[in-house]
Full PDB file with SEQRES, HELIX, SHEET, SSBOND, CRYST1, ORIGX, SCALE, CONECT and MASTER records, all heavy atoms in Angstrom:
SEQRES   1 A   40  GLU PRO GLU ALA GLU SER GLY ALA PRO ALA LYS LYS ARG          
SEQRES   2 A   40  GLY PRO VAL PRO ILE THR GLY PHE LEU ARG SER PHE TYR          
SEQRES   3 A   40  GLY ALA THR TYR LEU PHE ASP GLN ILE GLY GLN GLU THR          
SEQRES   4 A   40  GLY                                                          
HELIX    1 AA1 PRO A    2  SER A    6  1                                   5    
HELIX    2 AA2 GLY A   27  THR A   39  1                                  13    
CRYST1    1.000    1.000    1.000  90.00  90.00  90.00 P 1           1          
ORIGX1      1.000000  0.000000  0.000000        0.00000                         
ORIGX2      0.000000  1.000000  0.000000        0.00000                         
ORIGX3      0.000000  0.000000  1.000000        0.00000                         
SCALE1      1.000000  0.000000  0.000000        0.00000                         
SCALE2      0.000000  1.000000  0.000000        0.00000                         
SCALE3      0.000000  0.000000  1.000000        0.00000                         
ATOM      1  N   GLU A   1     -33.501 -20.500   6.432  1.00  0.00           N  
ATOM      2  CA  GLU A   1     -33.278 -19.322   7.240  1.00  0.00           C  
ATOM      3  C   GLU A   1     -34.583 -18.875   7.897  1.00  0.00           C  
ATOM      4  O   GLU A   1     -35.679 -19.085   7.357  1.00  0.00           O  
ATOM      5  CB  GLU A   1     -32.719 -18.186   6.367  1.00  0.00           C  
ATOM      6  CG  GLU A   1     -31.346 -18.523   5.820  1.00  0.00           C  
ATOM      7  CD  GLU A   1     -30.803 -17.399   4.968  1.00  0.00           C  
ATOM      8  OE1 GLU A   1     -31.468 -16.350   4.884  1.00  0.00           O  
ATOM      9  OE2 GLU A   1     -29.727 -17.564   4.402  1.00  0.00           O  
ATOM     10  N   PRO A   2     -34.500 -18.223   9.082  1.00  0.00           N  
ATOM     11  CA  PRO A   2     -35.723 -17.786   9.780  1.00  0.00           C  
ATOM     12  C   PRO A   2     -36.574 -16.857   8.932  1.00  0.00           C  
ATOM     13  O   PRO A   2     -37.786 -16.908   8.992  1.00  0.00           O  
ATOM     14  CB  PRO A   2     -35.163 -17.062  11.015  1.00  0.00           C  
ATOM     15  CG  PRO A   2     -33.786 -17.617  11.213  1.00  0.00           C  
ATOM     16  CD  PRO A   2     -33.278 -17.968   9.856  1.00  0.00           C  
ATOM     17  N   GLU A   3     -35.941 -15.969   8.119  1.00  0.00           N  
ATOM     18  CA  GLU A   3     -36.719 -15.045   7.315  1.00  0.00           C  
ATOM     19  C   GLU A   3     -37.596 -15.781   6.317  1.00  0.00           C  
ATOM     20  O   GLU A   3     -38.724 -15.385   6.031  1.00  0.00           O  
ATOM     21  CB  GLU A   3     -35.787 -14.089   6.556  1.00  0.00           C  
ATOM     22  CG  GLU A   3     -35.034 -13.114   7.430  1.00  0.00           C  
ATOM     23  CD  GLU A   3     -33.749 -13.722   7.972  1.00  0.00           C  
ATOM     24  OE1 GLU A   3     -33.520 -14.929   7.748  1.00  0.00           O  
ATOM     25  OE2 GLU A   3     -32.987 -13.014   8.633  1.00  0.00           O  
ATOM     26  N   ALA A   4     -37.065 -16.898   5.763  1.00  0.00           N  
ATOM     27  CA  ALA A   4     -37.823 -17.666   4.781  1.00  0.00           C  
ATOM     28  C   ALA A   4     -39.028 -18.326   5.438  1.00  0.00           C  
ATOM     29  O   ALA A   4     -40.090 -18.443   4.851  1.00  0.00           O  
ATOM     30  CB  ALA A   4     -36.923 -18.701   4.113  1.00  0.00           C  
ATOM     31  N   GLU A   5     -38.850 -18.784   6.701  1.00  0.00           N  
ATOM     32  CA  GLU A   5     -39.953 -19.453   7.382  1.00  0.00           C  
ATOM     33  C   GLU A   5     -41.060 -18.458   7.727  1.00  0.00           C  
ATOM     34  O   GLU A   5     -42.235 -18.786   7.742  1.00  0.00           O  
ATOM     35  CB  GLU A   5     -39.435 -20.125   8.655  1.00  0.00           C  
ATOM     36  CG  GLU A   5     -38.509 -21.306   8.368  1.00  0.00           C  
ATOM     37  CD  GLU A   5     -37.994 -21.924   9.651  1.00  0.00           C  
ATOM     38  OE1 GLU A   5     -38.271 -21.353  10.727  1.00  0.00           O  
ATOM     39  OE2 GLU A   5     -37.342 -22.972   9.589  1.00  0.00           O  
ATOM     40  N   SER A   6     -40.673 -17.221   8.008  1.00  0.00           N  
ATOM     41  CA  SER A   6     -41.678 -16.230   8.399  1.00  0.00           C  
ATOM     42  C   SER A   6     -42.358 -15.573   7.219  1.00  0.00           C  
ATOM     43  O   SER A   6     -43.247 -14.757   7.388  1.00  0.00           O  
ATOM     44  CB  SER A   6     -41.012 -15.149   9.258  1.00  0.00           C  
ATOM     45  OG  SER A   6     -40.034 -14.470   8.486  1.00  0.00           O  
ATOM     46  N   GLY A   7     -41.888 -15.897   6.012  1.00  0.00           N  
ATOM     47  CA  GLY A   7     -42.491 -15.318   4.824  1.00  0.00           C  
ATOM     48  C   GLY A   7     -41.763 -14.096   4.317  1.00  0.00           C  
ATOM     49  O   GLY A   7     -42.075 -13.560   3.257  1.00  0.00           O  
ATOM     50  N   ALA A   8     -40.773 -13.574   5.057  1.00  0.00           N  
ATOM     51  CA  ALA A   8     -40.003 -12.414   4.614  1.00  0.00           C  
ATOM     52  C   ALA A   8     -39.016 -12.838   3.535  1.00  0.00           C  
ATOM     53  O   ALA A   8     -38.607 -13.995   3.485  1.00  0.00           O  
ATOM     54  CB  ALA A   8     -39.254 -11.803   5.800  1.00  0.00           C  
ATOM     55  N   PRO A   9     -38.610 -11.941   2.650  1.00  0.00           N  
ATOM     56  CA  PRO A   9     -37.663 -12.301   1.595  1.00  0.00           C  
ATOM     57  C   PRO A   9     -36.311 -12.704   2.170  1.00  0.00           C  
ATOM     58  O   PRO A   9     -35.839 -12.125   3.149  1.00  0.00           O  
ATOM     59  CB  PRO A   9     -37.545 -11.012   0.765  1.00  0.00           C  
ATOM     60  CG  PRO A   9     -37.986  -9.921   1.690  1.00  0.00           C  
ATOM     61  CD  PRO A   9     -39.003 -10.534   2.575  1.00  0.00           C  
ATOM     62  N   ALA A  10     -35.722 -13.737   1.534  1.00  0.00           N  
ATOM     63  CA  ALA A  10     -34.420 -14.220   1.988  1.00  0.00           C  
ATOM     64  C   ALA A  10     -33.353 -13.178   1.691  1.00  0.00           C  
ATOM     65  O   ALA A  10     -33.447 -12.415   0.741  1.00  0.00           O  
ATOM     66  CB  ALA A  10     -34.080 -15.541   1.292  1.00  0.00           C  
ATOM     67  N   LYS A  11     -32.344 -13.150   2.534  1.00  0.00           N  
ATOM     68  CA  LYS A  11     -31.256 -12.199   2.334  1.00  0.00           C  
ATOM     69  C   LYS A  11     -30.439 -12.568   1.101  1.00  0.00           C  
ATOM     70  O   LYS A  11     -30.162 -13.722   0.860  1.00  0.00           O  
ATOM     71  CB  LYS A  11     -30.342 -12.185   3.568  1.00  0.00           C  
ATOM     72  CG  LYS A  11     -31.015 -11.647   4.822  1.00  0.00           C  
ATOM     73  CD  LYS A  11     -30.042 -11.670   5.988  1.00  0.00           C  
ATOM     74  CE  LYS A  11     -30.700 -11.129   7.254  1.00  0.00           C  
ATOM     75  NZ  LYS A  11     -29.773 -11.152   8.411  1.00  0.00           N  
ATOM     76  N   LYS A  12     -30.067 -11.536   0.337  1.00  0.00           N  
ATOM     77  CA  LYS A  12     -29.229 -11.770  -0.831  1.00  0.00           C  
ATOM     78  C   LYS A  12     -27.781 -11.955  -0.404  1.00  0.00           C  
ATOM     79  O   LYS A  12     -27.312 -11.339   0.544  1.00  0.00           O  
ATOM     80  CB  LYS A  12     -29.336 -10.600  -1.808  1.00  0.00           C  
ATOM     81  CG  LYS A  12     -30.708 -10.453  -2.439  1.00  0.00           C  
ATOM     82  CD  LYS A  12     -30.697  -9.323  -3.458  1.00  0.00           C  
ATOM     83  CE  LYS A  12     -32.067  -9.195  -4.123  1.00  0.00           C  
ATOM     84  NZ  LYS A  12     -32.086  -8.082  -5.116  1.00  0.00           N  
ATOM     85  N   ARG A  13     -27.096 -12.806  -1.145  1.00  0.00           N  
ATOM     86  CA  ARG A  13     -25.691 -13.001  -0.862  1.00  0.00           C  
ATOM     87  C   ARG A  13     -24.893 -11.764  -1.265  1.00  0.00           C  
ATOM     88  O   ARG A  13     -25.176 -11.134  -2.276  1.00  0.00           O  
ATOM     89  CB  ARG A  13     -25.153 -14.211  -1.625  1.00  0.00           C  
ATOM     90  CG  ARG A  13     -25.721 -15.533  -1.143  1.00  0.00           C  
ATOM     91  CD  ARG A  13     -25.080 -16.668  -1.880  1.00  0.00           C  
ATOM     92  NE  ARG A  13     -25.590 -17.955  -1.440  1.00  0.00           N  
ATOM     93  CZ  ARG A  13     -25.178 -19.124  -1.932  1.00  0.00           C  
ATOM     94  NH1 ARG A  13     -24.273 -19.147  -2.885  1.00  0.00           N  
ATOM     95  NH2 ARG A  13     -25.677 -20.252  -1.465  1.00  0.00           N  
ATOM     96  N   GLY A  14     -23.913 -11.433  -0.505  1.00  0.00           N  
ATOM     97  CA  GLY A  14     -23.060 -10.297  -0.823  1.00  0.00           C  
ATOM     98  C   GLY A  14     -22.063 -10.666  -1.908  1.00  0.00           C  
ATOM     99  O   GLY A  14     -22.017 -11.795  -2.397  1.00  0.00           O  
ATOM    100  N   PRO A  15     -21.236  -9.716  -2.314  1.00  0.00           N  
ATOM    101  CA  PRO A  15     -20.224  -9.987  -3.344  1.00  0.00           C  
ATOM    102  C   PRO A  15     -19.217 -11.024  -2.879  1.00  0.00           C  
ATOM    103  O   PRO A  15     -18.861 -11.074  -1.698  1.00  0.00           O  
ATOM    104  CB  PRO A  15     -19.579  -8.614  -3.556  1.00  0.00           C  
ATOM    105  CG  PRO A  15     -19.860  -7.848  -2.302  1.00  0.00           C  
ATOM    106  CD  PRO A  15     -21.187  -8.333  -1.821  1.00  0.00           C  
ATOM    107  N   VAL A  16     -18.796 -11.859  -3.801  1.00  0.00           N  
ATOM    108  CA  VAL A  16     -17.811 -12.896  -3.476  1.00  0.00           C  
ATOM    109  C   VAL A  16     -16.459 -12.215  -3.247  1.00  0.00           C  
ATOM    110  O   VAL A  16     -15.996 -11.450  -4.109  1.00  0.00           O  
ATOM    111  CB  VAL A  16     -17.704 -13.924  -4.617  1.00  0.00           C  
ATOM    112  CG1 VAL A  16     -16.646 -14.971  -4.287  1.00  0.00           C  
ATOM    113  CG2 VAL A  16     -19.056 -14.580  -4.843  1.00  0.00           C  
ATOM    114  N   PRO A  17     -15.819 -12.439  -2.131  1.00  0.00           N  
ATOM    115  CA  PRO A  17     -14.544 -11.769  -1.872  1.00  0.00           C  
ATOM    116  C   PRO A  17     -13.458 -12.257  -2.837  1.00  0.00           C  
ATOM    117  O   PRO A  17     -13.444 -13.400  -3.260  1.00  0.00           O  
ATOM    118  CB  PRO A  17     -14.228 -12.169  -0.425  1.00  0.00           C  
ATOM    119  CG  PRO A  17     -14.990 -13.440  -0.203  1.00  0.00           C  
ATOM    120  CD  PRO A  17     -16.235 -13.312  -1.019  1.00  0.00           C  
ATOM    121  N   ILE A  18     -12.557 -11.355  -3.173  1.00  0.00           N  
ATOM    122  CA  ILE A  18     -11.434 -11.690  -4.055  1.00  0.00           C  
ATOM    123  C   ILE A  18     -10.347 -12.330  -3.212  1.00  0.00           C  
ATOM    124  O   ILE A  18      -9.845 -11.737  -2.243  1.00  0.00           O  
ATOM    125  CB  ILE A  18     -10.918 -10.425  -4.767  1.00  0.00           C  
ATOM    126  CG1 ILE A  18     -12.011  -9.857  -5.673  1.00  0.00           C  
ATOM    127  CG2 ILE A  18      -9.656 -10.719  -5.569  1.00  0.00           C  
ATOM    128  CD1 ILE A  18     -11.669  -8.515  -6.288  1.00  0.00           C  
ATOM    129  N   THR A  19      -9.992 -13.554  -3.559  1.00  0.00           N  
ATOM    130  CA  THR A  19      -9.029 -14.310  -2.741  1.00  0.00           C  
ATOM    131  C   THR A  19      -7.692 -14.530  -3.429  1.00  0.00           C  
ATOM    132  O   THR A  19      -6.775 -15.065  -2.824  1.00  0.00           O  
ATOM    133  CB  THR A  19      -9.622 -15.679  -2.377  1.00  0.00           C  
ATOM    134  OG1 THR A  19      -9.946 -16.387  -3.596  1.00  0.00           O  
ATOM    135  CG2 THR A  19     -10.885 -15.519  -1.544  1.00  0.00           C  
ATOM    136  N   GLY A  20      -7.591 -14.147  -4.715  1.00  0.00           N  
ATOM    137  CA  GLY A  20      -6.332 -14.362  -5.440  1.00  0.00           C  
ATOM    138  C   GLY A  20      -6.084 -13.265  -6.448  1.00  0.00           C  
ATOM    139  O   GLY A  20      -6.943 -12.421  -6.723  1.00  0.00           O  
ATOM    140  N   PHE A  21      -4.893 -13.278  -7.005  1.00  0.00           N  
ATOM    141  CA  PHE A  21      -4.531 -12.313  -8.037  1.00  0.00           C  
ATOM    142  C   PHE A  21      -4.958 -12.844  -9.409  1.00  0.00           C  
ATOM    143  O   PHE A  21      -4.784 -14.029  -9.708  1.00  0.00           O  
ATOM    144  CB  PHE A  21      -3.022 -12.070  -8.028  1.00  0.00           C  
ATOM    145  CG  PHE A  21      -2.539 -11.366  -6.794  1.00  0.00           C  
ATOM    146  CD1 PHE A  21      -2.106 -12.082  -5.682  1.00  0.00           C  
ATOM    147  CD2 PHE A  21      -2.525  -9.981  -6.735  1.00  0.00           C  
ATOM    148  CE1 PHE A  21      -1.672 -11.436  -4.542  1.00  0.00           C  
ATOM    149  CE2 PHE A  21      -2.082  -9.324  -5.595  1.00  0.00           C  
ATOM    150  CZ  PHE A  21      -1.658 -10.049  -4.487  1.00  0.00           C  
ATOM    151  N   LEU A  22      -5.531 -11.959 -10.218  1.00  0.00           N  
ATOM    152  CA  LEU A  22      -5.977 -12.375 -11.551  1.00  0.00           C  
ATOM    153  C   LEU A  22      -5.906 -11.186 -12.499  1.00  0.00           C  
ATOM    154  O   LEU A  22      -6.396 -10.102 -12.196  1.00  0.00           O  
ATOM    155  CB  LEU A  22      -7.420 -12.895 -11.485  1.00  0.00           C  
ATOM    156  CG  LEU A  22      -8.031 -13.375 -12.811  1.00  0.00           C  
ATOM    157  CD1 LEU A  22      -7.286 -14.604 -13.332  1.00  0.00           C  
ATOM    158  CD2 LEU A  22      -9.516 -13.693 -12.634  1.00  0.00           C  
ATOM    159  N   ARG A  23      -5.288 -11.398 -13.659  1.00  0.00           N  
ATOM    160  CA  ARG A  23      -5.225 -10.378 -14.698  1.00  0.00           C  
ATOM    161  C   ARG A  23      -5.830 -10.982 -15.965  1.00  0.00           C  
ATOM    162  O   ARG A  23      -5.352 -12.007 -16.458  1.00  0.00           O  
ATOM    163  CB  ARG A  23      -3.783  -9.938 -14.941  1.00  0.00           C  
ATOM    164  CG  ARG A  23      -3.671  -8.693 -15.832  1.00  0.00           C  
ATOM    165  CD  ARG A  23      -2.214  -8.334 -16.090  1.00  0.00           C  
ATOM    166  NE  ARG A  23      -1.507  -8.038 -14.865  1.00  0.00           N  
ATOM    167  CZ  ARG A  23      -1.482  -6.845 -14.272  1.00  0.00           C  
ATOM    168  NH1 ARG A  23      -2.154  -5.835 -14.827  1.00  0.00           N  
ATOM    169  NH2 ARG A  23      -0.815  -6.656 -13.161  1.00  0.00           N  
ATOM    170  N   SER A  24      -6.900 -10.368 -16.480  1.00  0.00           N  
ATOM    171  CA  SER A  24      -7.630 -10.949 -17.607  1.00  0.00           C  
ATOM    172  C   SER A  24      -7.944  -9.869 -18.646  1.00  0.00           C  
ATOM    173  O   SER A  24      -8.065  -8.682 -18.322  1.00  0.00           O  
ATOM    174  CB  SER A  24      -8.945 -11.576 -17.129  1.00  0.00           C  
ATOM    175  OG  SER A  24      -8.741 -12.522 -16.121  1.00  0.00           O  
ATOM    176  N   PHE A  25      -8.097 -10.318 -19.908  1.00  0.00           N  
ATOM    177  CA  PHE A  25      -8.543  -9.419 -20.965  1.00  0.00           C  
ATOM    178  C   PHE A  25     -10.035  -9.145 -20.759  1.00  0.00           C  
ATOM    179  O   PHE A  25     -10.824 -10.049 -20.482  1.00  0.00           O  
ATOM    180  CB  PHE A  25      -8.299 -10.036 -22.334  1.00  0.00           C  
ATOM    181  CG  PHE A  25      -6.833 -10.185 -22.663  1.00  0.00           C  
ATOM    182  CD1 PHE A  25      -6.274 -11.435 -22.876  1.00  0.00           C  
ATOM    183  CD2 PHE A  25      -6.008  -9.077 -22.740  1.00  0.00           C  
ATOM    184  CE1 PHE A  25      -4.937 -11.572 -23.170  1.00  0.00           C  
ATOM    185  CE2 PHE A  25      -4.665  -9.202 -23.040  1.00  0.00           C  
ATOM    186  CZ  PHE A  25      -4.119 -10.454 -23.248  1.00  0.00           C  
ATOM    187  N   TYR A  26     -10.412  -7.888 -20.970  1.00  0.00           N  
ATOM    188  CA  TYR A  26     -11.742  -7.458 -20.541  1.00  0.00           C  
ATOM    189  C   TYR A  26     -12.495  -6.627 -21.588  1.00  0.00           C  
ATOM    190  O   TYR A  26     -13.728  -6.639 -21.637  1.00  0.00           O  
ATOM    191  CB  TYR A  26     -11.584  -6.646 -19.250  1.00  0.00           C  
ATOM    192  CG  TYR A  26     -12.839  -6.027 -18.706  1.00  0.00           C  
ATOM    193  CD1 TYR A  26     -13.894  -6.823 -18.258  1.00  0.00           C  
ATOM    194  CD2 TYR A  26     -12.970  -4.641 -18.606  1.00  0.00           C  
ATOM    195  CE1 TYR A  26     -15.047  -6.249 -17.730  1.00  0.00           C  
ATOM    196  CE2 TYR A  26     -14.123  -4.060 -18.085  1.00  0.00           C  
ATOM    197  CZ  TYR A  26     -15.154  -4.863 -17.646  1.00  0.00           C  
ATOM    198  OH  TYR A  26     -16.289  -4.306 -17.126  1.00  0.00           O  
ATOM    199  N   GLY A  27     -11.772  -5.903 -22.458  1.00  0.00           N  
ATOM    200  CA  GLY A  27     -12.393  -4.890 -23.306  1.00  0.00           C  
ATOM    201  C   GLY A  27     -13.445  -5.417 -24.257  1.00  0.00           C  
ATOM    202  O   GLY A  27     -14.552  -4.872 -24.345  1.00  0.00           O  
ATOM    203  N   ALA A  28     -13.152  -6.502 -25.010  1.00  0.00           N  
ATOM    204  CA  ALA A  28     -14.094  -7.014 -26.005  1.00  0.00           C  
ATOM    205  C   ALA A  28     -15.305  -7.648 -25.338  1.00  0.00           C  
ATOM    206  O   ALA A  28     -16.442  -7.473 -25.799  1.00  0.00           O  
ATOM    207  CB  ALA A  28     -13.401  -8.018 -26.920  1.00  0.00           C  
ATOM    208  N   THR A  29     -15.083  -8.377 -24.249  1.00  0.00           N  
ATOM    209  CA  THR A  29     -16.226  -9.002 -23.581  1.00  0.00           C  
ATOM    210  C   THR A  29     -17.093  -7.940 -22.893  1.00  0.00           C  
ATOM    211  O   THR A  29     -18.320  -8.107 -22.791  1.00  0.00           O  
ATOM    212  CB  THR A  29     -15.772 -10.050 -22.556  1.00  0.00           C  
ATOM    213  OG1 THR A  29     -14.814  -9.470 -21.660  1.00  0.00           O  
ATOM    214  CG2 THR A  29     -15.120 -11.231 -23.249  1.00  0.00           C  
ATOM    215  N   TYR A  30     -16.483  -6.841 -22.444  1.00  0.00           N  
ATOM    216  CA  TYR A  30     -17.278  -5.730 -21.917  1.00  0.00           C  
ATOM    217  C   TYR A  30     -18.182  -5.173 -23.023  1.00  0.00           C  
ATOM    218  O   TYR A  30     -19.362  -4.881 -22.773  1.00  0.00           O  
ATOM    219  CB  TYR A  30     -16.353  -4.628 -21.388  1.00  0.00           C  
ATOM    220  CG  TYR A  30     -17.062  -3.311 -21.159  1.00  0.00           C  
ATOM    221  CD1 TYR A  30     -17.801  -3.094 -19.999  1.00  0.00           C  
ATOM    222  CD2 TYR A  30     -17.018  -2.298 -22.116  1.00  0.00           C  
ATOM    223  CE1 TYR A  30     -18.470  -1.893 -19.795  1.00  0.00           C  
ATOM    224  CE2 TYR A  30     -17.687  -1.098 -21.917  1.00  0.00           C  
ATOM    225  CZ  TYR A  30     -18.407  -0.896 -20.759  1.00  0.00           C  
ATOM    226  OH  TYR A  30     -19.074   0.289 -20.572  1.00  0.00           O  
ATOM    227  N   LEU A  31     -17.630  -5.033 -24.221  1.00  0.00           N  
ATOM    228  CA  LEU A  31     -18.431  -4.567 -25.360  1.00  0.00           C  
ATOM    229  C   LEU A  31     -19.626  -5.478 -25.582  1.00  0.00           C  
ATOM    230  O   LEU A  31     -20.766  -5.004 -25.755  1.00  0.00           O  
ATOM    231  CB  LEU A  31     -17.565  -4.519 -26.620  1.00  0.00           C  
ATOM    232  CG  LEU A  31     -18.294  -4.258 -27.941  1.00  0.00           C  
ATOM    233  CD1 LEU A  31     -18.867  -2.837 -27.968  1.00  0.00           C  
ATOM    234  CD2 LEU A  31     -17.369  -4.492 -29.134  1.00  0.00           C  
ATOM    235  N   PHE A  32     -19.403  -6.795 -25.565  1.00  0.00           N  
ATOM    236  CA  PHE A  32     -20.501  -7.741 -25.799  1.00  0.00           C  
ATOM    237  C   PHE A  32     -21.535  -7.690 -24.680  1.00  0.00           C  
ATOM    238  O   PHE A  32     -22.743  -7.844 -24.922  1.00  0.00           O  
ATOM    239  CB  PHE A  32     -19.956  -9.157 -25.957  1.00  0.00           C  
ATOM    240  CG  PHE A  32     -19.070  -9.334 -27.154  1.00  0.00           C  
ATOM    241  CD1 PHE A  32     -18.026 -10.242 -27.133  1.00  0.00           C  
ATOM    242  CD2 PHE A  32     -19.254  -8.592 -28.303  1.00  0.00           C  
ATOM    243  CE1 PHE A  32     -17.207 -10.407 -28.226  1.00  0.00           C  
ATOM    244  CE2 PHE A  32     -18.439  -8.743 -29.398  1.00  0.00           C  
ATOM    245  CZ  PHE A  32     -17.412  -9.652 -29.362  1.00  0.00           C  
ATOM    246  N   ASP A  33     -21.070  -7.466 -23.432  1.00  0.00           N  
ATOM    247  CA  ASP A  33     -22.021  -7.334 -22.323  1.00  0.00           C  
ATOM    248  C   ASP A  33     -22.978  -6.169 -22.569  1.00  0.00           C  
ATOM    249  O   ASP A  33     -24.194  -6.280 -22.327  1.00  0.00           O  
ATOM    250  CB  ASP A  33     -21.273  -7.109 -21.007  1.00  0.00           C  
ATOM    251  CG  ASP A  33     -20.575  -8.360 -20.510  1.00  0.00           C  
ATOM    252  OD1 ASP A  33     -20.903  -9.460 -20.987  1.00  0.00           O  
ATOM    253  OD2 ASP A  33     -19.689  -8.227 -19.642  1.00  0.00           O  
ATOM    254  N   GLN A  34     -22.427  -5.048 -23.053  1.00  0.00           N  
ATOM    255  CA  GLN A  34     -23.262  -3.869 -23.302  1.00  0.00           C  
ATOM    256  C   GLN A  34     -24.204  -4.111 -24.481  1.00  0.00           C  
ATOM    257  O   GLN A  34     -25.360  -3.680 -24.463  1.00  0.00           O  
ATOM    258  CB  GLN A  34     -22.377  -2.645 -23.573  1.00  0.00           C  
ATOM    259  CG  GLN A  34     -21.370  -2.349 -22.474  1.00  0.00           C  
ATOM    260  CD  GLN A  34     -21.992  -2.320 -21.095  1.00  0.00           C  
ATOM    261  OE1 GLN A  34     -22.930  -1.561 -20.848  1.00  0.00           O  
ATOM    262  NE2 GLN A  34     -21.484  -3.140 -20.191  1.00  0.00           N  
ATOM    263  N   ILE A  35     -23.712  -4.791 -25.516  1.00  0.00           N  
ATOM    264  CA  ILE A  35     -24.564  -5.107 -26.669  1.00  0.00           C  
ATOM    265  C   ILE A  35     -25.703  -6.024 -26.237  1.00  0.00           C  
ATOM    266  O   ILE A  35     -26.855  -5.859 -26.666  1.00  0.00           O  
ATOM    267  CB  ILE A  35     -23.735  -5.763 -27.789  1.00  0.00           C  
ATOM    268  CG1 ILE A  35     -22.743  -4.756 -28.377  1.00  0.00           C  
ATOM    269  CG2 ILE A  35     -24.641  -6.307 -28.895  1.00  0.00           C  
ATOM    270  CD1 ILE A  35     -21.769  -5.363 -29.376  1.00  0.00           C  
ATOM    271  N   GLY A  36     -25.399  -6.992 -25.378  1.00  0.00           N  
ATOM    272  CA  GLY A  36     -26.429  -7.909 -24.888  1.00  0.00           C  
ATOM    273  C   GLY A  36     -27.534  -7.192 -24.148  1.00  0.00           C  
ATOM    274  O   GLY A  36     -28.716  -7.557 -24.246  1.00  0.00           O  
ATOM    275  N   GLN A  37     -27.175  -6.130 -23.407  1.00  0.00           N  
ATOM    276  CA  GLN A  37     -28.189  -5.350 -22.704  1.00  0.00           C  
ATOM    277  C   GLN A  37     -28.967  -4.469 -23.672  1.00  0.00           C  
ATOM    278  O   GLN A  37     -30.198  -4.326 -23.552  1.00  0.00           O  
ATOM    279  CB  GLN A  37     -27.512  -4.501 -21.630  1.00  0.00           C  
ATOM    280  CG  GLN A  37     -26.884  -5.326 -20.512  1.00  0.00           C  
ATOM    281  CD  GLN A  37     -26.128  -4.476 -19.509  1.00  0.00           C  
ATOM    282  OE1 GLN A  37     -26.375  -3.277 -19.376  1.00  0.00           O  
ATOM    283  NE2 GLN A  37     -25.184  -5.081 -18.803  1.00  0.00           N  
ATOM    284  N   GLU A  38     -28.279  -3.866 -24.639  1.00  0.00           N  
ATOM    285  CA  GLU A  38     -28.922  -2.967 -25.588  1.00  0.00           C  
ATOM    286  C   GLU A  38     -29.924  -3.700 -26.471  1.00  0.00           C  
ATOM    287  O   GLU A  38     -31.021  -3.196 -26.739  1.00  0.00           O  
ATOM    288  CB  GLU A  38     -27.845  -2.308 -26.463  1.00  0.00           C  
ATOM    289  CG  GLU A  38     -28.374  -1.466 -27.613  1.00  0.00           C  
ATOM    290  CD  GLU A  38     -29.095  -0.213 -27.164  1.00  0.00           C  
ATOM    291  OE1 GLU A  38     -28.874   0.226 -26.005  1.00  0.00           O  
ATOM    292  OE2 GLU A  38     -29.891   0.320 -27.949  1.00  0.00           O  
ATOM    293  N   THR A  39     -29.567  -4.885 -26.942  1.00  0.00           N  
ATOM    294  CA  THR A  39     -30.433  -5.651 -27.848  1.00  0.00           C  
ATOM    295  C   THR A  39     -31.458  -6.498 -27.114  1.00  0.00           C  
ATOM    296  O   THR A  39     -32.370  -7.040 -27.740  1.00  0.00           O  
ATOM    297  CB  THR A  39     -29.593  -6.573 -28.734  1.00  0.00           C  
ATOM    298  OG1 THR A  39     -28.836  -7.477 -27.892  1.00  0.00           O  
ATOM    299  CG2 THR A  39     -28.618  -5.785 -29.604  1.00  0.00           C  
ATOM    300  N   GLY A  40     -31.301  -6.638 -25.793  1.00  0.00           N  
ATOM    301  CA  GLY A  40     -32.206  -7.492 -25.034  1.00  0.00           C  
ATOM    302  C   GLY A  40     -31.854  -8.964 -25.120  1.00  0.00           C  
ATOM    303  O   GLY A  40     -32.582  -9.808 -24.588  1.00  0.00           O  
TER     304      GLY A  40                                                      
MASTER        0    0    0    2    0    0    0    6  303    1    0    4          
END                                                                             
């Protein structure tokens, strides 16, 4: 990208668009995500 050649930071990718329907269990893995941040 031109920004990379000029020395400026490359643009970050935006959020991946949702293209399908998905229903998933979330509560326990959310708990582990928070524990992972708390404990480092």
